[in-house]
Amino acid sequence: MQDLVVAGCPYCGERLELLIDPSGGSQEYTEDCQVCCQPMVVRVTYSQTETDTEVETETVSVELLQEDDAF
């Protein structure tokens, strides 16, 4: 199953829909913006939190960076 995430391009600011595969865990890859075609680095991190009732929730964080700012 894939998660749909909406994020803004770091170059043109256009809102983009990205399909993220949670089975891959945290990941980083380069993808071209669908609007301005600039290469952006996509960083995906997953974290799990525990509550007092021992229910675990998983949160996803997606960061889009200009290629020059990623390293």
Protein backbone atom coordinates (compact mmCIF):
# COMPACT_ATOMS: atom_id res chain seq x y z
CA MET A 1 0.00 0.00 0.00
CA GLN A 2 1.24 3.50 -0.80
CA ASP A 3 0.56 6.78 1.00
CA LEU A 4 -0.39 9.93 -0.90
CA VAL A 5 1.49 12.99 0.38
CA VAL A 6 1.10 16.60 -0.81
CA ALA A 7 4.21 18.81 -0.64
CA GLY A 8 5.51 21.98 -2.31
CA CYS A 9 8.32 22.09 -4.89
CA PRO A 10 11.36 23.89 -3.43
CA TYR A 11 11.91 25.65 -6.78
CA CYS A 12 8.53 26.76 -8.13
CA GLY A 13 6.34 26.24 -5.04
CA GLU A 14 3.78 24.16 -6.93
CA ARG A 15 1.89 21.66 -4.79
CA LEU A 16 2.81 18.12 -5.81
CA GLU A 17 1.23 14.78 -5.00
CA LEU A 18 3.78 12.10 -4.21
CA LEU A 19 3.13 8.39 -3.68
CA ILE A 20 5.26 7.13 -0.80
CA ASP A 21 5.84 3.43 -0.16
CA PRO A 22 5.95 2.86 3.62
CA SER A 23 7.33 -0.65 3.23
CA GLY A 24 10.64 0.89 2.16
CA GLY A 25 11.13 2.63 5.51
CA SER A 26 13.01 5.91 5.62
CA GLN A 27 14.38 6.82 2.21
CA GLU A 28 15.98 9.57 0.14
CA TYR A 29 15.84 9.88 -3.62
CA THR A 30 15.90 12.47 -6.42
CA GLU A 31 12.77 13.17 -8.44
CA ASP A 32 12.07 15.85 -11.03
CA CYS A 33 9.29 18.34 -10.31
CA GLN A 34 6.26 17.55 -12.46
CA VAL A 35 5.80 21.26 -13.24
CA CYS A 36 9.21 22.98 -13.58
CA CYS A 37 11.31 19.80 -14.17
CA GLN A 38 13.97 20.81 -11.62
CA PRO A 39 15.58 17.95 -9.68
CA MET A 40 14.49 17.86 -6.03
CA VAL A 41 15.62 15.57 -3.25
CA VAL A 42 12.77 13.77 -1.49
CA ARG A 43 13.50 12.70 2.09
CA VAL A 44 10.96 10.42 3.71
CA THR A 45 11.19 9.43 7.37
CA TYR A 46 8.85 7.31 9.43
CA SER A 47 8.61 7.36 13.19
CA GLN A 48 6.52 5.42 15.66
CA THR A 49 5.28 6.79 18.94
CA GLU A 50 3.82 4.93 21.87
CA THR A 51 1.07 6.26 24.09
CA ASP A 52 0.02 5.37 27.61
CA THR A 53 -2.44 2.84 26.22
CA GLU A 54 0.37 1.07 24.32
CA VAL A 55 -1.11 1.98 20.94
CA GLU A 56 1.57 2.73 18.41
CA THR A 57 1.00 5.38 15.78
CA GLU A 58 3.21 5.90 12.78
CA THR A 59 3.86 9.35 11.38
CA VAL A 60 5.48 10.18 8.06
CA SER A 61 7.60 13.22 7.38
CA VAL A 62 8.37 14.29 3.81
CA GLU A 63 10.91 17.00 3.04
CA LEU A 64 11.55 18.35 -0.46
CA LEU A 65 14.90 20.07 -0.99
CA GLN A 66 16.70 21.71 -3.85
CA GLU A 67 19.39 19.36 -5.05
CA ASP A 68 22.17 21.77 -4.00
CA ASP A 69 20.79 22.07 -0.43
CA ALA A 70 20.45 18.35 0.21
CA PHE A 71 24.09 17.61 0.94
